[in-house]
C-alpha atoms as a PDB file:
ATOM      1  CA  LEU A   1      33.220 -29.014  62.559  1.00  0.00           C
ATOM      2  CA  TRP A   2      34.401 -31.660  65.032  1.00  0.00           C
ATOM      3  CA  TRP A   3      34.599 -34.972  63.213  1.00  0.00           C
ATOM      4  CA  MET A   4      35.194 -37.722  65.682  1.00  0.00           C
ATOM      5  CA  VAL A   5      35.348 -41.407  64.875  1.00  0.00           C
ATOM      6  CA  SER A   6      33.612 -43.089  67.850  1.00  0.00           C
ATOM      7  CA  GLY A   7      32.159 -46.524  68.580  1.00  0.00           C
ATOM      8  CA  ILE A   8      28.887 -46.401  70.266  1.00  0.00           C
ATOM      9  CA  PRO A   9      28.907 -48.614  73.496  1.00  0.00           C
ATOM     10  CA  LEU A  10      26.381 -51.329  73.412  1.00  0.00           C
ATOM     11  CA  ALA A  11      25.254 -53.931  75.822  1.00  0.00           C
ATOM     12  CA  PRO A  12      26.649 -57.521  75.232  1.00  0.00           C
ATOM     13  CA  ALA A  13      26.069 -58.914  71.881  1.00  0.00           C
ATOM     14  CA  GLY A  14      24.691 -55.457  70.817  1.00  0.00           C
ATOM     15  CA  GLY A  15      21.543 -55.719  73.092  1.00  0.00           C
ATOM     16  CA  GLU A  16      20.206 -55.382  76.547  1.00  0.00           C
ATOM     17  CA  GLU A  17      19.162 -58.213  78.740  1.00  0.00           C
ATOM     18  CA  GLY A  18      15.505 -59.088  78.610  1.00  0.00           C
ATOM     19  CA  ARG A  19      13.152 -60.196  81.373  1.00  0.00           C
ATOM     20  CA  GLU A  20      13.629 -63.817  80.404  1.00  0.00           C
ATOM     21  CA  GLY A  21      17.401 -63.705  80.221  1.00  0.00           C
ATOM     22  CA  GLY A  22      17.560 -63.208  76.424  1.00  0.00           C
ATOM     23  CA  TYR A  23      18.782 -60.271  74.582  1.00  0.00           C
ATOM     24  CA  ARG A  24      16.809 -57.601  72.517  1.00  0.00           C
ATOM     25  CA  LEU A  25      18.986 -56.371  69.694  1.00  0.00           C
ATOM     26  CA  TYR A  26      19.498 -52.688  69.246  1.00  0.00           C
ATOM     27  CA  GLU A  27      20.180 -51.226  65.839  1.00  0.00           C
ATOM     28  CA  ALA A  28      23.706 -50.137  65.064  1.00  0.00           C
ATOM     29  CA  THR A  29      24.256 -46.411  65.213  1.00  0.00           C
ATOM     30  CA  ALA A  30      26.217 -45.024  62.214  1.00  0.00           C
ATOM     31  CA  ALA A  31      26.416 -41.327  63.346  1.00  0.00           C
ATOM     32  CA  THR A  32      24.773 -38.599  65.271  1.00  0.00           C
ATOM     33  CA  VAL A  33      24.338 -35.119  63.894  1.00  0.00           C
ATOM     34  CA  ASN A  34      23.636 -32.511  66.498  1.00  0.00           C
ATOM     35  CA  GLY A  35      22.079 -35.256  68.535  1.00  0.00           C
ATOM     36  CA  GLU A  36      19.952 -36.709  65.767  1.00  0.00           C
ATOM     37  CA  VAL A  37      20.789 -40.379  65.338  1.00  0.00           C
ATOM     38  CA  LEU A  38      21.610 -42.007  61.960  1.00  0.00           C
ATOM     39  CA  PHE A  39      21.342 -45.818  61.983  1.00  0.00           C
ATOM     40  CA  LEU A  40      23.030 -48.390  59.876  1.00  0.00           C
ATOM     41  CA  SER A  41      19.833 -49.356  58.248  1.00  0.00           C
ATOM     42  CA  ASP A  42      19.326 -45.688  57.103  1.00  0.00           C
ATOM     43  CA  ILE A  43      22.732 -45.948  55.372  1.00  0.00           C
ATOM     44  CA  VAL A  44      21.960 -49.246  53.719  1.00  0.00           C
ATOM     45  CA  ARG A  45      18.697 -47.977  52.351  1.00  0.00           C
ATOM     46  CA  GLU A  46      20.416 -44.919  50.990  1.00  0.00           C
ATOM     47  CA  VAL A  47      22.893 -47.151  49.117  1.00  0.00           C
ATOM     48  CA  CYS A  48      20.049 -49.177  47.603  1.00  0.00           C
ATOM     49  CA  LEU A  49      17.901 -46.143  46.610  1.00  0.00           C
ATOM     50  CA  ARG A  50      20.715 -44.301  45.025  1.00  0.00           C
ATOM     51  CA  GLY A  51      22.188 -47.508  43.479  1.00  0.00           C
ATOM     52  CA  CYS A  52      18.660 -47.917  41.755  1.00  0.00           C
ATOM     53  CA  GLY A  53      18.501 -44.391  40.664  1.00  0.00           C
ATOM     54  CA  ALA A  54      15.201 -44.122  42.572  1.00  0.00           C
ATOM     55  CA  PHE A  55      14.928 -40.359  42.643  1.00  0.00           C
ATOM     56  CA  PRO A  56      13.388 -39.044  39.341  1.00  0.00           C
ATOM     57  CA  GLY A  57      15.831 -37.698  36.841  1.00  0.00           C
ATOM     58  CA  GLU A  58      18.906 -39.300  38.550  1.00  0.00           C
ATOM     59  CA  ASN A  59      21.147 -42.046  37.204  1.00  0.00           C
ATOM     60  CA  PRO A  60      21.972 -44.994  39.523  1.00  0.00           C
ATOM     61  CA  VAL A  61      25.211 -44.364  41.439  1.00  0.00           C
ATOM     62  CA  LEU A  62      27.171 -46.859  43.425  1.00  0.00           C
ATOM     63  CA  LEU A  63      28.028 -45.704  46.923  1.00  0.00           C
ATOM     64  CA  SER A  64      30.021 -47.196  49.753  1.00  0.00           C
ATOM     65  CA  LEU A  65      28.559 -47.026  53.274  1.00  0.00           C
ATOM     66  CA  PRO A  66      30.647 -44.061  54.321  1.00  0.00           C
ATOM     67  CA  GLU A  67      29.836 -42.154  51.021  1.00  0.00           C
ATOM     68  CA  ALA A  68      26.076 -42.758  51.655  1.00  0.00           C
ATOM     69  CA  ARG A  69      26.548 -41.659  55.174  1.00  0.00           C
ATOM     70  CA  ASP A  70      28.072 -38.450  53.978  1.00  0.00           C
ATOM     71  CA  LYS A  71      25.104 -37.759  51.663  1.00  0.00           C
ATOM     72  CA  LEU A  72      22.550 -38.469  54.493  1.00  0.00           C
ATOM     73  CA  ILE A  73      24.514 -36.174  56.930  1.00  0.00           C
ATOM     74  CA  ALA A  74      24.386 -33.420  54.412  1.00  0.00           C
ATOM     75  CA  ASP A  75      20.669 -33.726  53.947  1.00  0.00           C
ATOM     76  CA  ILE A  76      20.163 -33.878  57.793  1.00  0.00           C
ATOM     77  CA  LEU A  77      22.096 -30.563  58.241  1.00  0.00           C
ATOM     78  CA  VAL A  78      19.736 -28.945  55.588  1.00  0.00           C
ATOM     79  CA  ARG A  79      16.573 -30.360  57.301  1.00  0.00           C
ATOM     80  CA  GLN A  80      17.790 -29.180  60.709  1.00  0.00           C
ATOM     81  CA  GLU A  81      18.295 -25.764  59.227  1.00  0.00           C
ATOM     82  CA  GLU A  82      14.765 -25.837  57.646  1.00  0.00           C
ATOM     83  CA  LYS A  83      13.303 -26.680  60.963  1.00  0.00           C
ATOM     84  CA  LYS A  84      15.038 -23.662  62.550  1.00  0.00           C
ATOM     85  CA  LEU A  85      13.529 -21.451  59.948  1.00  0.00           C
ATOM     86  CA  GLU A  86      10.100 -23.246  60.023  1.00  0.00           C
ATOM     87  CA  LEU A  87      10.414 -24.237  56.441  1.00  0.00           C
ATOM     88  CA  GLY A  88      10.361 -27.716  54.730  1.00  0.00           C
ATOM     89  CA  THR A  89       6.777 -27.912  53.347  1.00  0.00           C
ATOM     90  CA  ILE A  90       6.509 -29.690  50.020  1.00  0.00           C
ATOM     91  CA  ASP A  91       3.709 -29.448  47.528  1.00  0.00           C
ATOM     92  CA  ASN A  92       1.844 -32.716  48.093  1.00  0.00           C
ATOM     93  CA  THR A  93       1.016 -33.192  44.351  1.00  0.00           C
ATOM     94  CA  LEU A  94       4.627 -32.888  43.516  1.00  0.00           C
ATOM     95  CA  LEU A  95       5.590 -35.299  46.216  1.00  0.00           C
ATOM     96  CA  GLN A  96       3.020 -37.830  45.107  1.00  0.00           C
ATOM     97  CA  GLU A  97       4.159 -37.697  41.575  1.00  0.00           C
ATOM     98  CA  ALA A  98       7.817 -38.002  42.443  1.00  0.00           C
ATOM     99  CA  ALA A  99       7.111 -40.776  44.746  1.00  0.00           C
ATOM    100  CA  ALA A 100       5.122 -42.727  42.096  1.00  0.00           C
ATOM    101  CA  GLU A 101       8.072 -42.327  39.647  1.00  0.00           C
ATOM    102  CA  ALA A 102      10.392 -43.463  42.205  1.00  0.00           C
ATOM    103  CA  SER A 103       8.397 -46.469  43.025  1.00  0.00           C
ATOM    104  CA  LYS A 104       8.603 -47.393  39.314  1.00  0.00           C
ATOM    105  CA  ASN A 105      12.351 -46.854  39.266  1.00  0.00           C
ATOM    106  CA  ILE A 106      12.617 -49.259  42.274  1.00  0.00           C
ATOM    107  CA  GLY A 107      10.392 -51.761  40.469  1.00  0.00           C
ATOM    108  CA  ARG A 108      12.767 -51.776  37.520  1.00  0.00           C
ATOM    109  CA  CYS A 109      15.748 -52.093  39.560  1.00  0.00           C
ATOM    110  CA  LEU A 110      17.533 -55.527  39.507  1.00  0.00           C
ATOM    111  CA  SER A 111      19.283 -55.223  42.812  1.00  0.00           C
ATOM    112  CA  PRO A 112      18.049 -57.718  45.465  1.00  0.00           C
ATOM    113  CA  CYS A 113      17.658 -54.845  47.809  1.00  0.00           C
ATOM    114  CA  ALA A 114      14.929 -53.344  45.757  1.00  0.00           C
ATOM    115  CA  ARG A 115      12.635 -56.198  46.516  1.00  0.00           C
ATOM    116  CA  GLU A 116      12.807 -55.304  50.225  1.00  0.00           C
ATOM    117  CA  MET A 117      12.198 -51.740  49.948  1.00  0.00           C
ATOM    118  CA  GLU A 118       9.022 -50.517  51.518  1.00  0.00           C
ATOM    119  CA  ASP A 119       6.742 -47.838  49.966  1.00  0.00           C
ATOM    120  CA  ASP A 120       7.048 -45.640  53.032  1.00  0.00           C
ATOM    121  CA  HIS A 121      10.935 -45.700  52.743  1.00  0.00           C
ATOM    122  CA  VAL A 122      10.644 -44.691  49.213  1.00  0.00           C
ATOM    123  CA  ARG A 123       8.300 -41.903  49.852  1.00  0.00           C
ATOM    124  CA  ASP A 124      10.382 -40.646  52.871  1.00  0.00           C
ATOM    125  CA  TYR A 125      13.523 -40.611  50.591  1.00  0.00           C
ATOM    126  CA  VAL A 126      11.808 -38.667  47.851  1.00  0.00           C
ATOM    127  CA  GLY A 127      10.334 -36.314  50.326  1.00  0.00           C
ATOM    128  CA  ARG A 128      13.778 -35.586  51.982  1.00  0.00           C
ATOM    129  CA  ARG A 129      15.468 -35.178  48.538  1.00  0.00           C
ATOM    130  CA  LEU A 130      12.721 -32.787  47.344  1.00  0.00           C
ATOM    131  CA  GLN A 131      12.984 -30.713  50.527  1.00  0.00           C
ATOM    132  CA  VAL A 132      16.754 -30.415  50.408  1.00  0.00           C
ATOM    133  CA  ARG A 133      16.623 -29.514  46.612  1.00  0.00           C
ATOM    134  CA  GLU A 134      14.208 -26.829  47.141  1.00  0.00           C
ATOM    135  CA  PHE A 135      15.962 -25.344  50.118  1.00  0.00           C
ATOM    136  CA  LEU A 136      19.259 -25.152  48.280  1.00  0.00           C
ATOM    137  CA  ARG A 137      17.589 -23.680  45.246  1.00  0.00           C
ATOM    138  CA  ASN A 138      15.448 -21.048  47.003  1.00  0.00           C
ATOM    139  CA  ARG A 139      17.346 -20.257  50.024  1.00  0.00           C
ATOM    140  CA  ILE A 140      21.035 -20.504  48.816  1.00  0.00           C
ATOM    141  CA  SER A 141      21.469 -20.689  44.999  1.00  0.00           C
ATOM    142  CA  VAL A 142      18.715 -17.990  44.369  1.00  0.00           C
ATOM    143  CA  PHE A 143      21.018 -15.165  45.502  1.00  0.00           C
ATOM    144  CA  VAL A 144      23.733 -16.108  42.904  1.00  0.00           C
ATOM    145  CA  ASP A 145      24.083 -13.672  39.900  1.00  0.00           C
ATOM    146  CA  VAL A 146      26.255 -13.330  36.926  1.00  0.00           C
ATOM    147  CA  ASN A 147      26.805  -9.863  35.378  1.00  0.00           C
ATOM    148  CA  LYS A 148      27.596  -8.932  31.763  1.00  0.00           C
ATOM    149  CA  GLU A 149      31.284  -8.207  32.528  1.00  0.00           C
ATOM    150  CA  GLU A 150      31.787 -11.604  34.024  1.00  0.00           C
ATOM    151  CA  VAL A 151      30.289 -13.333  30.883  1.00  0.00           C
ATOM    152  CA  GLU A 152      32.370 -11.165  28.585  1.00  0.00           C
ATOM    153  CA  LYS A 153      35.508 -11.894  30.388  1.00  0.00           C
ATOM    154  CA  GLU A 154      34.829 -15.649  30.310  1.00  0.00           C
ATOM    155  CA  ILE A 155      33.954 -15.667  26.678  1.00  0.00           C
ATOM    156  CA  ARG A 156      37.323 -13.914  25.950  1.00  0.00           C
ATOM    157  CA  SER A 157      39.218 -16.503  28.080  1.00  0.00           C
ATOM    158  CA  ARG A 158      37.488 -19.445  26.296  1.00  0.00           C
ATOM    159  CA  ALA A 159      38.232 -17.866  22.926  1.00  0.00           C
ATOM    160  CA  SER A 160      41.857 -17.409  23.781  1.00  0.00           C
ATOM    161  CA  ARG A 161      42.282 -21.006  25.146  1.00  0.00           C
ATOM    162  CA  SER A 162      40.378 -22.567  22.109  1.00  0.00           C
ATOM    163  CA  GLY A 163      41.389 -20.278  19.297  1.00  0.00           C
ATOM    164  CA  LYS A 164      37.777 -19.617  18.441  1.00  0.00           C
ATOM    165  CA  SER A 165      36.330 -16.131  17.728  1.00  0.00           C
ATOM    166  CA  PRO A 166      34.448 -14.704  20.782  1.00  0.00           C
ATOM    167  CA  GLY A 167      31.396 -14.398  18.511  1.00  0.00           C
ATOM    168  CA  ASP A 168      31.336 -18.153  17.970  1.00  0.00           C
ATOM    169  CA  ILE A 169      30.908 -18.838  21.775  1.00  0.00           C
ATOM    170  CA  SER A 170      27.256 -18.742  23.063  1.00  0.00           C
ATOM    171  CA  GLU A 171      26.731 -15.971  25.677  1.00  0.00           C
ATOM    172  CA  GLU A 172      23.626 -17.686  26.956  1.00  0.00           C
ATOM    173  CA  MET A 173      25.537 -21.001  27.503  1.00  0.00           C
ATOM    174  CA  VAL A 174      28.530 -19.240  29.194  1.00  0.00           C
ATOM    175  CA  ARG A 175      26.108 -17.343  31.513  1.00  0.00           C
ATOM    176  CA  LYS A 176      24.179 -20.594  32.453  1.00  0.00           C
ATOM    177  CA  GLU A 177      27.526 -22.480  33.203  1.00  0.00           C
ATOM    178  CA  LEU A 178      28.771 -19.499  35.182  1.00  0.00           C
ATOM    179  CA  LEU A 179      25.595 -19.417  37.186  1.00  0.00           C
ATOM    180  CA  GLU A 180      25.753 -23.299  37.822  1.00  0.00           C
ATOM    181  CA  TRP A 181      29.469 -22.915  39.046  1.00  0.00           C
ATOM    182  CA  LYS A 182      28.579 -19.981  41.341  1.00  0.00           C
ATOM    183  CA  ALA A 183      25.615 -21.896  42.786  1.00  0.00           C
ATOM    184  CA  GLU A 184      27.727 -25.046  43.495  1.00  0.00           C
ATOM    185  CA  ARG A 185      30.227 -22.835  45.132  1.00  0.00           C
ATOM    186  CA  GLU A 186      27.694 -21.070  47.293  1.00  0.00           C
ATOM    187  CA  VAL A 187      26.153 -24.393  48.308  1.00  0.00           C
ATOM    188  CA  ARG A 188      29.605 -25.669  49.360  1.00  0.00           C
ATOM    189  CA  ASN A 189      30.297 -22.501  51.326  1.00  0.00           C
ATOM    190  CA  TRP A 190      26.985 -22.789  52.990  1.00  0.00           C
ATOM    191  CA  PHE A 191      27.704 -26.398  54.105  1.00  0.00           C
ATOM    192  CA  ASP A 192      31.145 -25.316  55.283  1.00  0.00           C
ATOM    193  CA  ARG A 193      29.503 -22.715  57.467  1.00  0.00           C
ATOM    194  CA  VAL A 194      26.877 -25.046  58.890  1.00  0.00           C
ATOM    195  CA  THR A 195      29.106 -27.938  59.498  1.00  0.00           C
ATOM    196  CA  SER A 196      31.664 -25.723  61.303  1.00  0.00           C
ATOM    197  CA  LYS A 197      29.078 -25.148  63.949  1.00  0.00           C
ATOM    198  CA  SER A 198      27.718 -28.652  64.117  1.00  0.00           C
ATOM    199  CA  ARG A 199      28.716 -31.641  66.214  1.00  0.00           C
ATOM    200  CA  ILE A 200      28.892 -34.824  64.196  1.00  0.00           C
ATOM    201  CA  LEU A 201      30.024 -38.140  65.782  1.00  0.00           C
ATOM    202  CA  LEU A 202      30.774 -41.051  63.495  1.00  0.00           C
ATOM    203  CA  SER A 203      30.810 -44.729  64.296  1.00  0.00           C
ATOM    204  CA  PRO A 204      33.163 -47.099  62.485  1.00  0.00           C
ATOM    205  CA  LEU A 205      31.712 -48.576  59.357  1.00  0.00           C
ATOM    206  CA  GLU A 206      34.696 -50.477  57.952  1.00  0.00           C
ATOM    207  CA  ASP A 207      33.660 -53.964  59.299  1.00  0.00           C
ATOM    208  CA  ARG A 208      29.950 -53.644  58.475  1.00  0.00           C
END
């Protein structure tokens, strides 16, 4: 991965000269991901939507602009991979239900940014998050497995650390936690492989 902090050259005052001598403002660029442009307004919306806990089942989380940009870049990498594999279709009923719930969450949000959030932005956000979730579940995490020996070894280790009897530790819970840990590791490894082959250019956000 080539991470490069780079300013995007703009015309004077961030615009180009119009026919009447004025300037038409361009939107600030926050990053490009394999040629796909990510704008500052995309980052600001991401901060708002995550800060309001818009996505169904998620708690509100406060993100800085760079943190929100990282989340968006990760999602873009997934969607670019989906496009290569001709994937990315979401069940329309699931999308409608999730978008409706997200709209309710935005409606309950006390942040001033929520009042300016358009329905199309909420729907696009939910659609993206659903696509990314399904891809990571069905194309990456689905291949993770935990065998009986791994579970038994982990139970013995936990029993030794806690002083409990191995029989007091739930085999089902240990298997579930090991699966989750392995799935998270596999997802991280997938992102490492994809980003190593990607060209990502970042624009400064510190003064915005």
